[in-house]
Amino acid sequence: LRTAFQMGFLLFVPFNLIDLVDATVLMSRGMMMKPPTTVALPLKLLLFVLVDGWALISRSLLQSFAT
Protein backbone atom coordinates (compact mmCIF):
# COMPACT_ATOMS: atom_id res chain seq x y z
CA LEU A 1 0.00 0.00 0.00
CA ARG A 2 2.89 2.33 0.76
CA THR A 3 4.38 1.72 -2.68
CA ALA A 4 1.06 2.56 -4.30
CA PHE A 5 0.89 5.88 -2.46
CA GLN A 6 4.46 6.70 -3.43
CA MET A 7 3.76 5.91 -7.08
CA GLY A 8 0.58 7.97 -7.01
CA PHE A 9 2.37 10.91 -5.45
CA LEU A 10 5.26 10.75 -7.90
CA LEU A 11 2.78 10.71 -10.79
CA PHE A 12 0.64 13.48 -9.33
CA VAL A 13 3.34 16.09 -8.66
CA PRO A 14 4.71 16.59 -12.21
CA PHE A 15 1.22 16.63 -13.72
CA ASN A 16 0.04 19.13 -11.14
CA LEU A 17 3.09 21.28 -11.87
CA ILE A 18 2.21 21.21 -15.58
CA ASP A 19 -1.33 22.38 -14.73
CA LEU A 20 -0.02 25.26 -12.63
CA VAL A 21 2.49 26.42 -15.25
CA ASP A 22 -0.06 26.07 -18.03
CA ALA A 23 -2.70 28.12 -16.20
CA THR A 24 -0.14 30.78 -15.31
CA VAL A 25 1.12 31.11 -18.88
CA LEU A 26 -2.39 31.27 -20.34
CA MET A 27 -3.47 33.92 -17.84
CA SER A 28 -0.33 36.00 -18.39
CA ARG A 29 -0.92 35.96 -22.15
CA GLY A 30 -4.53 37.06 -21.67
CA MET A 31 -6.09 33.82 -22.91
CA MET A 32 -8.77 33.61 -20.24
CA MET A 33 -11.37 31.96 -22.48
CA LYS A 34 -9.14 29.07 -23.56
CA PRO A 35 -9.52 26.08 -21.24
CA PRO A 36 -6.16 25.14 -19.69
CA THR A 37 -6.84 21.45 -20.28
CA THR A 38 -6.59 21.91 -24.06
CA VAL A 39 -2.95 22.83 -23.60
CA ALA A 40 -2.12 20.76 -20.51
CA LEU A 41 -3.37 17.37 -21.74
CA PRO A 42 -0.99 17.11 -24.73
CA LEU A 43 1.86 18.28 -22.49
CA LYS A 44 1.03 15.63 -19.90
CA LEU A 45 0.85 12.89 -22.52
CA LEU A 46 4.14 14.04 -24.03
CA LEU A 47 5.81 14.01 -20.60
CA PHE A 48 4.46 10.54 -19.84
CA VAL A 49 5.73 9.17 -23.15
CA LEU A 50 9.13 10.89 -22.90
CA VAL A 51 9.88 9.47 -19.45
CA ASP A 52 8.70 6.01 -20.57
CA GLY A 53 5.87 6.01 -18.06
CA TRP A 54 4.40 2.59 -18.78
CA ALA A 55 7.75 0.89 -18.30
CA LEU A 56 8.36 2.74 -15.04
CA ILE A 57 4.92 1.88 -13.67
CA SER A 58 5.05 -1.78 -14.67
CA ARG A 59 8.62 -2.17 -13.35
CA SER A 60 7.65 -0.61 -10.01
CA LEU A 61 4.61 -2.85 -9.72
CA LEU A 62 6.57 -5.99 -10.50
CA GLN A 63 9.31 -5.06 -8.05
CA SER A 64 6.79 -4.38 -5.30
CA PHE A 65 5.25 -7.83 -5.72
CA ALA A 66 8.65 -9.54 -5.95
CA THR A 67 9.79 -8.30 -2.54
PDB file of N, CA and C in Angstrom:
ATOM      1  N   LEU A   1       0.829  -1.195   0.000  1.00  0.00           N
ATOM      2  CA  LEU A   1       0.000   0.000   0.000  1.00  0.00           C
ATOM      3  C   LEU A   1       0.873   1.259   0.000  1.00  0.00           C
ATOM      4  N   ARG A   2       1.979   1.176   0.720  1.00  0.00           N
ATOM      5  CA  ARG A   2       2.888   2.327   0.763  1.00  0.00           C
ATOM      6  C   ARG A   2       3.472   2.611  -0.620  1.00  0.00           C
ATOM      7  N   THR A   3       3.826   1.556  -1.334  1.00  0.00           N
ATOM      8  CA  THR A   3       4.383   1.719  -2.678  1.00  0.00           C
ATOM      9  C   THR A   3       3.360   2.365  -3.609  1.00  0.00           C
ATOM     10  N   ALA A   4       2.110   1.980  -3.461  1.00  0.00           N
ATOM     11  CA  ALA A   4       1.057   2.561  -4.302  1.00  0.00           C
ATOM     12  C   ALA A   4       0.911   4.059  -4.040  1.00  0.00           C
ATOM     13  N   PHE A   5       0.973   4.461  -2.775  1.00  0.00           N
ATOM     14  CA  PHE A   5       0.886   5.883  -2.460  1.00  0.00           C
ATOM     15  C   PHE A   5       2.094   6.645  -2.992  1.00  0.00           C
ATOM     16  N   GLN A   6       3.265   6.046  -2.897  1.00  0.00           N
ATOM     17  CA  GLN A   6       4.462   6.700  -3.428  1.00  0.00           C
ATOM     18  C   GLN A   6       4.362   6.863  -4.939  1.00  0.00           C
ATOM     19  N   MET A   7       3.910   5.825  -5.625  1.00  0.00           N
ATOM     20  CA  MET A   7       3.757   5.907  -7.079  1.00  0.00           C
ATOM     21  C   MET A   7       2.727   6.964  -7.450  1.00  0.00           C
ATOM     22  N   GLY A   8       1.618   6.980  -6.741  1.00  0.00           N
ATOM     23  CA  GLY A   8       0.584   7.971  -7.012  1.00  0.00           C
ATOM     24  C   GLY A   8       1.080   9.388  -6.795  1.00  0.00           C
ATOM     25  N   PHE A   9       1.841   9.584  -5.734  1.00  0.00           N
ATOM     26  CA  PHE A   9       2.375  10.913  -5.446  1.00  0.00           C
ATOM     27  C   PHE A   9       3.383  11.336  -6.500  1.00  0.00           C
ATOM     28  N   LEU A  10       4.250  10.419  -6.901  1.00  0.00           N
ATOM     29  CA  LEU A  10       5.257  10.747  -7.902  1.00  0.00           C
ATOM     30  C   LEU A  10       4.643  10.998  -9.276  1.00  0.00           C
ATOM     31  N   LEU A  11       3.491  10.423  -9.547  1.00  0.00           N
ATOM     32  CA  LEU A  11       2.783  10.714 -10.793  1.00  0.00           C
ATOM     33  C   LEU A  11       1.998  12.023 -10.696  1.00  0.00           C
ATOM     34  N   PHE A  12       1.491  12.317  -9.515  1.00  0.00           N
ATOM     35  CA  PHE A  12       0.637  13.485  -9.328  1.00  0.00           C
ATOM     36  C   PHE A  12       1.417  14.796  -9.392  1.00  0.00           C
ATOM     37  N   VAL A  13       2.590  14.835  -8.783  1.00  0.00           N
ATOM     38  CA  VAL A  13       3.338  16.092  -8.659  1.00  0.00           C
ATOM     39  C   VAL A  13       3.725  16.693 -10.016  1.00  0.00           C
ATOM     40  N   PRO A  14       4.355  15.946 -10.934  1.00  0.00           N
ATOM     41  CA  PRO A  14       4.707  16.587 -12.211  1.00  0.00           C
ATOM     42  C   PRO A  14       3.488  17.038 -13.013  1.00  0.00           C
ATOM     43  N   PHE A  15       2.418  16.254 -12.978  1.00  0.00           N
ATOM     44  CA  PHE A  15       1.222  16.631 -13.720  1.00  0.00           C
ATOM     45  C   PHE A  15       0.556  17.858 -13.105  1.00  0.00           C
ATOM     46  N   ASN A  16       0.583  17.954 -11.796  1.00  0.00           N
ATOM     47  CA  ASN A  16       0.036  19.133 -11.137  1.00  0.00           C
ATOM     48  C   ASN A  16       0.889  20.359 -11.443  1.00  0.00           C
ATOM     49  N   LEU A  17       2.187  20.178 -11.514  1.00  0.00           N
ATOM     50  CA  LEU A  17       3.086  21.277 -11.871  1.00  0.00           C
ATOM     51  C   LEU A  17       2.817  21.760 -13.296  1.00  0.00           C
ATOM     52  N   ILE A  18       2.554  20.830 -14.208  1.00  0.00           N
ATOM     53  CA  ILE A  18       2.209  21.214 -15.581  1.00  0.00           C
ATOM     54  C   ILE A  18       0.922  22.028 -15.596  1.00  0.00           C
ATOM     55  N   ASP A  19      -0.076  21.623 -14.804  1.00  0.00           N
ATOM     56  CA  ASP A  19      -1.330  22.382 -14.730  1.00  0.00           C
ATOM     57  C   ASP A  19      -1.094  23.802 -14.227  1.00  0.00           C
ATOM     58  N   LEU A  20      -0.280  23.938 -13.191  1.00  0.00           N
ATOM     59  CA  LEU A  20      -0.018  25.264 -12.633  1.00  0.00           C
ATOM     60  C   LEU A  20       0.714  26.161 -13.624  1.00  0.00           C
ATOM     61  N   VAL A  21       1.730  25.631 -14.277  1.00  0.00           N
ATOM     62  CA  VAL A  21       2.488  26.421 -15.248  1.00  0.00           C
ATOM     63  C   VAL A  21       1.611  26.788 -16.437  1.00  0.00           C
ATOM     64  N   ASP A  22       0.822  25.839 -16.893  1.00  0.00           N
ATOM     65  CA  ASP A  22      -0.062  26.072 -18.031  1.00  0.00           C
ATOM     66  C   ASP A  22      -1.075  27.176 -17.725  1.00  0.00           C
ATOM     67  N   ALA A  23      -1.713  27.101 -16.570  1.00  0.00           N
ATOM     68  CA  ALA A  23      -2.698  28.119 -16.203  1.00  0.00           C
ATOM     69  C   ALA A  23      -2.042  29.485 -16.044  1.00  0.00           C
ATOM     70  N   THR A  24      -0.843  29.512 -15.487  1.00  0.00           N
ATOM     71  CA  THR A  24      -0.136  30.780 -15.308  1.00  0.00           C
ATOM     72  C   THR A  24       0.231  31.402 -16.649  1.00  0.00           C
ATOM     73  N   VAL A  25       0.733  30.593 -17.564  1.00  0.00           N
ATOM     74  CA  VAL A  25       1.120  31.110 -18.882  1.00  0.00           C
ATOM     75  C   VAL A  25      -0.099  31.604 -19.650  1.00  0.00           C
ATOM     76  N   LEU A  26      -1.182  30.841 -19.620  1.00  0.00           N
ATOM     77  CA  LEU A  26      -2.386  31.268 -20.337  1.00  0.00           C
ATOM     78  C   LEU A  26      -2.947  32.570 -19.764  1.00  0.00           C
ATOM     79  N   MET A  27      -2.950  32.693 -18.450  1.00  0.00           N
ATOM     80  CA  MET A  27      -3.466  33.924 -17.843  1.00  0.00           C
ATOM     81  C   MET A  27      -2.556  35.110 -18.129  1.00  0.00           C
ATOM     82  N   SER A  28      -1.251  34.889 -18.134  1.00  0.00           N
ATOM     83  CA  SER A  28      -0.334  36.002 -18.385  1.00  0.00           C
ATOM     84  C   SER A  28      -0.401  36.469 -19.839  1.00  0.00           C
ATOM     85  N   ARG A  29      -0.788  35.585 -20.734  1.00  0.00           N
ATOM     86  CA  ARG A  29      -0.922  35.962 -22.146  1.00  0.00           C
ATOM     87  C   ARG A  29      -2.314  36.494 -22.468  1.00  0.00           C
ATOM     88  N   GLY A  30      -3.199  36.513 -21.477  1.00  0.00           N
ATOM     89  CA  GLY A  30      -4.532  37.061 -21.674  1.00  0.00           C
ATOM     90  C   GLY A  30      -5.502  36.099 -22.328  1.00  0.00           C
ATOM     91  N   MET A  31      -5.209  34.826 -22.299  1.00  0.00           N
ATOM     92  CA  MET A  31      -6.087  33.817 -22.912  1.00  0.00           C
ATOM     93  C   MET A  31      -7.014  33.230 -21.847  1.00  0.00           C
ATOM     94  N   MET A  32      -7.907  34.055 -21.329  1.00  0.00           N
ATOM     95  CA  MET A  32      -8.772  33.611 -20.244  1.00  0.00           C
ATOM     96  C   MET A  32      -9.884  32.682 -20.723  1.00  0.00           C
ATOM     97  N   MET A  33     -10.269  32.777 -21.978  1.00  0.00           N
ATOM     98  CA  MET A  33     -11.375  31.965 -22.475  1.00  0.00           C
ATOM     99  C   MET A  33     -10.928  30.583 -22.955  1.00  0.00           C
ATOM    100  N   LYS A  34      -9.640  30.373 -23.099  1.00  0.00           N
ATOM    101  CA  LYS A  34      -9.141  29.072 -23.557  1.00  0.00           C
ATOM    102  C   LYS A  34      -8.999  28.152 -22.344  1.00  0.00           C
ATOM    103  N   PRO A  35      -9.641  27.000 -22.377  1.00  0.00           N
ATOM    104  CA  PRO A  35      -9.522  26.085 -21.240  1.00  0.00           C
ATOM    105  C   PRO A  35      -8.084  25.573 -21.099  1.00  0.00           C
ATOM    106  N   PRO A  36      -7.539  25.599 -19.896  1.00  0.00           N
ATOM    107  CA  PRO A  36      -6.162  25.144 -19.690  1.00  0.00           C
ATOM    108  C   PRO A  36      -5.955  23.671 -20.035  1.00  0.00           C
ATOM    109  N   THR A  37      -7.007  22.880 -19.988  1.00  0.00           N
ATOM    110  CA  THR A  37      -6.839  21.454 -20.284  1.00  0.00           C
ATOM    111  C   THR A  37      -6.524  21.196 -21.753  1.00  0.00           C
ATOM    112  N   THR A  38      -6.906  22.113 -22.638  1.00  0.00           N
ATOM    113  CA  THR A  38      -6.595  21.912 -24.059  1.00  0.00           C
ATOM    114  C   THR A  38      -5.104  22.025 -24.328  1.00  0.00           C
ATOM    115  N   VAL A  39      -4.394  22.722 -23.466  1.00  0.00           N
ATOM    116  CA  VAL A  39      -2.945  22.832 -23.601  1.00  0.00           C
ATOM    117  C   VAL A  39      -2.249  21.819 -22.697  1.00  0.00           C
ATOM    118  N   ALA A  40      -2.790  21.601 -21.502  1.00  0.00           N
ATOM    119  CA  ALA A  40      -2.122  20.759 -20.513  1.00  0.00           C
ATOM    120  C   ALA A  40      -2.169  19.276 -20.878  1.00  0.00           C
ATOM    121  N   LEU A  41      -3.257  18.805 -21.447  1.00  0.00           N
ATOM    122  CA  LEU A  41      -3.365  17.374 -21.743  1.00  0.00           C
ATOM    123  C   LEU A  41      -2.303  16.888 -22.726  1.00  0.00           C
ATOM    124  N   PRO A  42      -2.082  17.568 -23.850  1.00  0.00           N
ATOM    125  CA  PRO A  42      -0.993  17.112 -24.727  1.00  0.00           C
ATOM    126  C   PRO A  42       0.376  17.186 -24.060  1.00  0.00           C
ATOM    127  N   LEU A  43       0.586  18.192 -23.210  1.00  0.00           N
ATOM    128  CA  LEU A  43       1.863  18.284 -22.495  1.00  0.00           C
ATOM    129  C   LEU A  43       2.038  17.131 -21.516  1.00  0.00           C
ATOM    130  N   LYS A  44       0.961  16.750 -20.845  1.00  0.00           N
ATOM    131  CA  LYS A  44       1.025  15.628 -19.903  1.00  0.00           C
ATOM    132  C   LYS A  44       1.295  14.317 -20.636  1.00  0.00           C
ATOM    133  N   LEU A  45       0.617  14.107 -21.749  1.00  0.00           N
ATOM    134  CA  LEU A  45       0.851  12.890 -22.524  1.00  0.00           C
ATOM    135  C   LEU A  45       2.270  12.842 -23.070  1.00  0.00           C
ATOM    136  N   LEU A  46       2.775  13.972 -23.528  1.00  0.00           N
ATOM    137  CA  LEU A  46       4.144  14.040 -24.026  1.00  0.00           C
ATOM    138  C   LEU A  46       5.146  13.737 -22.914  1.00  0.00           C
ATOM    139  N   LEU A  47       4.930  14.291 -21.737  1.00  0.00           N
ATOM    140  CA  LEU A  47       5.813  14.013 -20.602  1.00  0.00           C
ATOM    141  C   LEU A  47       5.784  12.536 -20.237  1.00  0.00           C
ATOM    142  N   PHE A  48       4.598  11.947 -20.195  1.00  0.00           N
ATOM    143  CA  PHE A  48       4.459  10.536 -19.835  1.00  0.00           C
ATOM    144  C   PHE A  48       5.177   9.639 -20.839  1.00  0.00           C
ATOM    145  N   VAL A  49       5.069   9.966 -22.116  1.00  0.00           N
ATOM    146  CA  VAL A  49       5.733   9.170 -23.150  1.00  0.00           C
ATOM    147  C   VAL A  49       7.247   9.371 -23.106  1.00  0.00           C
ATOM    148  N   LEU A  50       7.695  10.603 -22.902  1.00  0.00           N
ATOM    149  CA  LEU A  50       9.128  10.887 -22.898  1.00  0.00           C
ATOM    150  C   LEU A  50       9.862  10.224 -21.740  1.00  0.00           C
ATOM    151  N   VAL A  51       9.217  10.113 -20.587  1.00  0.00           N
ATOM    152  CA  VAL A  51       9.884   9.474 -19.448  1.00  0.00           C
ATOM    153  C   VAL A  51       9.626   7.973 -19.411  1.00  0.00           C
ATOM    154  N   ASP A  52       8.996   7.440 -20.455  1.00  0.00           N
ATOM    155  CA  ASP A  52       8.701   6.009 -20.566  1.00  0.00           C
ATOM    156  C   ASP A  52       7.850   5.544 -19.375  1.00  0.00           C
ATOM    157  N   GLY A  53       6.730   6.212 -19.212  1.00  0.00           N
ATOM    158  CA  GLY A  53       5.865   6.011 -18.060  1.00  0.00           C
ATOM    159  C   GLY A  53       5.359   4.601 -17.858  1.00  0.00           C
ATOM    160  N   TRP A  54       4.929   3.938 -18.943  1.00  0.00           N
ATOM    161  CA  TRP A  54       4.396   2.589 -18.779  1.00  0.00           C
ATOM    162  C   TRP A  54       5.459   1.630 -18.274  1.00  0.00           C
ATOM    163  N   ALA A  55       6.671   1.764 -18.760  1.00  0.00           N
ATOM    164  CA  ALA A  55       7.753   0.889 -18.302  1.00  0.00           C
ATOM    165  C   ALA A  55       8.070   1.161 -16.834  1.00  0.00           C
ATOM    166  N   LEU A  56       8.081   2.416 -16.438  1.00  0.00           N
ATOM    167  CA  LEU A  56       8.357   2.744 -15.039  1.00  0.00           C
ATOM    168  C   LEU A  56       7.273   2.206 -14.110  1.00  0.00           C
ATOM    169  N   ILE A  57       6.023   2.353 -14.510  1.00  0.00           N
ATOM    170  CA  ILE A  57       4.924   1.875 -13.670  1.00  0.00           C
ATOM    171  C   ILE A  57       4.936   0.357 -13.571  1.00  0.00           C
ATOM    172  N   SER A  58       5.074  -0.315 -14.702  1.00  0.00           N
ATOM    173  CA  SER A  58       5.054  -1.782 -14.666  1.00  0.00           C
ATOM    174  C   SER A  58       6.263  -2.326 -13.912  1.00  0.00           C
ATOM    175  N   ARG A  59       7.431  -1.711 -14.075  1.00  0.00           N
ATOM    176  CA  ARG A  59       8.623  -2.170 -13.349  1.00  0.00           C
ATOM    177  C   ARG A  59       8.436  -1.992 -11.843  1.00  0.00           C
ATOM    178  N   SER A  60       7.879  -0.860 -11.433  1.00  0.00           N
ATOM    179  CA  SER A  60       7.650  -0.614 -10.008  1.00  0.00           C
ATOM    180  C   SER A  60       6.640  -1.599  -9.434  1.00  0.00           C
ATOM    181  N   LEU A  61       5.598  -1.885 -10.194  1.00  0.00           N
ATOM    182  CA  LEU A  61       4.605  -2.852  -9.717  1.00  0.00           C
ATOM    183  C   LEU A  61       5.200  -4.244  -9.576  1.00  0.00           C
ATOM    184  N   LEU A  62       5.962  -4.659 -10.569  1.00  0.00           N
ATOM    185  CA  LEU A  62       6.567  -5.987 -10.501  1.00  0.00           C
ATOM    186  C   LEU A  62       7.577  -6.086  -9.367  1.00  0.00           C
ATOM    187  N   GLN A  63       8.347  -5.044  -9.143  1.00  0.00           N
ATOM    188  CA  GLN A  63       9.313  -5.063  -8.045  1.00  0.00           C
ATOM    189  C   GLN A  63       8.618  -5.070  -6.693  1.00  0.00           C
ATOM    190  N   SER A  64       7.491  -4.400  -6.580  1.00  0.00           N
ATOM    191  CA  SER A  64       6.790  -4.380  -5.297  1.00  0.00           C
ATOM    192  C   SER A  64       6.193  -5.743  -4.968  1.00  0.00           C
ATOM    193  N   PHE A  65       5.788  -6.500  -5.988  1.00  0.00           N
ATOM    194  CA  PHE A  65       5.253  -7.830  -5.722  1.00  0.00           C
ATOM    195  C   PHE A  65       6.363  -8.854  -5.530  1.00  0.00           C
ATOM    196  N   ALA A  66       7.539  -8.589  -6.062  1.00  0.00           N
ATOM    197  CA  ALA A  66       8.647  -9.538  -5.949  1.00  0.00           C
ATOM    198  C   ALA A  66       9.268  -9.510  -4.558  1.00  0.00           C
ATOM    199  N   THR A  67       9.159  -8.381  -3.869  1.00  0.00           N
ATOM    200  CA  THR A  67       9.793  -8.304  -2.545  1.00  0.00           C
ATOM    201  C   THR A  67       8.855  -8.692  -1.448  1.00  0.00           C
TER     202      THR A  67
END
